[in-house]
Amino acid sequence: MLEQLGVKYDVIDVTEKPEYLEKYPIFMAPGLVIDGKLEFTGIPKKTDLEKKFS
């Protein structure tokens, strides 16, 4: 969905970088961090994503 919205993003595997679990309370994959803030856990609705990036 991020690609469809034209949003640039990085995929981070928390098993390789567990420090992200200390920084963000991600209990369900995926976790979506926007501007340093955990905004979504799990798969968000496309309309909710569109609101964040509009």
C-alpha atoms as a PDB file:
ATOM      1  CA  MET A   1       0.000   0.000   0.000  1.00  0.00           C
ATOM      2  CA  LEU A   2       2.860   2.396   0.732  1.00  0.00           C
ATOM      3  CA  GLU A   3       4.189   1.898  -2.783  1.00  0.00           C
ATOM      4  CA  GLN A   4       0.733   2.587  -4.218  1.00  0.00           C
ATOM      5  CA  LEU A   5       0.661   5.853  -2.243  1.00  0.00           C
ATOM      6  CA  GLY A   6       4.151   6.766  -3.478  1.00  0.00           C
ATOM      7  CA  VAL A   7       5.635   6.700   0.039  1.00  0.00           C
ATOM      8  CA  LYS A   8       9.326   5.922   0.426  1.00  0.00           C
ATOM      9  CA  TYR A   9       9.999   3.497   3.281  1.00  0.00           C
ATOM     10  CA  ASP A  10      12.580   1.173   4.820  1.00  0.00           C
ATOM     11  CA  VAL A  11      11.880  -2.366   5.984  1.00  0.00           C
ATOM     12  CA  ILE A  12      13.618  -3.206   9.251  1.00  0.00           C
ATOM     13  CA  ASP A  13      13.763  -6.781  10.516  1.00  0.00           C
ATOM     14  CA  VAL A  14      13.574  -6.539  14.314  1.00  0.00           C
ATOM     15  CA  THR A  15      15.188  -9.957  14.663  1.00  0.00           C
ATOM     16  CA  GLU A  16      18.308  -8.379  13.166  1.00  0.00           C
ATOM     17  CA  LYS A  17      17.889  -5.022  14.950  1.00  0.00           C
ATOM     18  CA  PRO A  18      16.191  -5.724  18.304  1.00  0.00           C
ATOM     19  CA  GLU A  19      16.922  -2.173  19.500  1.00  0.00           C
ATOM     20  CA  TYR A  20      13.814  -1.118  17.582  1.00  0.00           C
ATOM     21  CA  LEU A  21      11.692  -3.235  19.919  1.00  0.00           C
ATOM     22  CA  GLU A  22      13.162  -1.316  22.841  1.00  0.00           C
ATOM     23  CA  LYS A  23      12.420   2.015  21.190  1.00  0.00           C
ATOM     24  CA  TYR A  24       8.910   1.238  19.872  1.00  0.00           C
ATOM     25  CA  PRO A  25       6.267  -0.986  21.535  1.00  0.00           C
ATOM     26  CA  ILE A  26       5.673  -3.155  18.475  1.00  0.00           C
ATOM     27  CA  PHE A  27       3.747  -6.263  19.545  1.00  0.00           C
ATOM     28  CA  MET A  28       2.278  -7.127  16.142  1.00  0.00           C
ATOM     29  CA  ALA A  29       3.913  -7.081  12.730  1.00  0.00           C
ATOM     30  CA  PRO A  30       4.134  -4.958  10.785  1.00  0.00           C
ATOM     31  CA  GLY A  31       4.764  -1.860  12.833  1.00  0.00           C
ATOM     32  CA  LEU A  32       4.704   1.425  10.927  1.00  0.00           C
ATOM     33  CA  VAL A  33       6.756   4.284  12.323  1.00  0.00           C
ATOM     34  CA  ILE A  34       6.210   7.728  10.787  1.00  0.00           C
ATOM     35  CA  ASP A  35       8.477  10.617  11.751  1.00  0.00           C
ATOM     36  CA  GLY A  36       9.793   8.739  14.781  1.00  0.00           C
ATOM     37  CA  LYS A  37       6.346   7.808  16.138  1.00  0.00           C
ATOM     38  CA  LEU A  38       4.720   4.369  16.047  1.00  0.00           C
ATOM     39  CA  GLU A  39       1.519   5.046  14.118  1.00  0.00           C
ATOM     40  CA  PHE A  40       0.219   1.577  13.218  1.00  0.00           C
ATOM     41  CA  THR A  41       0.684  -2.036  14.293  1.00  0.00           C
ATOM     42  CA  GLY A  42      -0.709  -4.753  12.095  1.00  0.00           C
ATOM     43  CA  ILE A  43      -1.969  -3.951   8.628  1.00  0.00           C
ATOM     44  CA  PRO A  44      -3.764  -0.593   8.574  1.00  0.00           C
ATOM     45  CA  LYS A  45      -6.711   0.260   6.369  1.00  0.00           C
ATOM     46  CA  LYS A  46      -5.700   2.007   3.174  1.00  0.00           C
ATOM     47  CA  THR A  47      -7.957   4.966   4.003  1.00  0.00           C
ATOM     48  CA  ASP A  48      -6.143   5.435   7.328  1.00  0.00           C
ATOM     49  CA  LEU A  49      -2.790   5.428   5.534  1.00  0.00           C
ATOM     50  CA  GLU A  50      -4.057   7.927   2.993  1.00  0.00           C
ATOM     51  CA  LYS A  51      -5.066  10.272   5.829  1.00  0.00           C
ATOM     52  CA  LYS A  52      -1.562  10.105   7.339  1.00  0.00           C
ATOM     53  CA  PHE A  53       0.141  10.934   4.048  1.00  0.00           C
ATOM     54  CA  SER A  54      -2.259  13.473   2.570  1.00  0.00           C
END
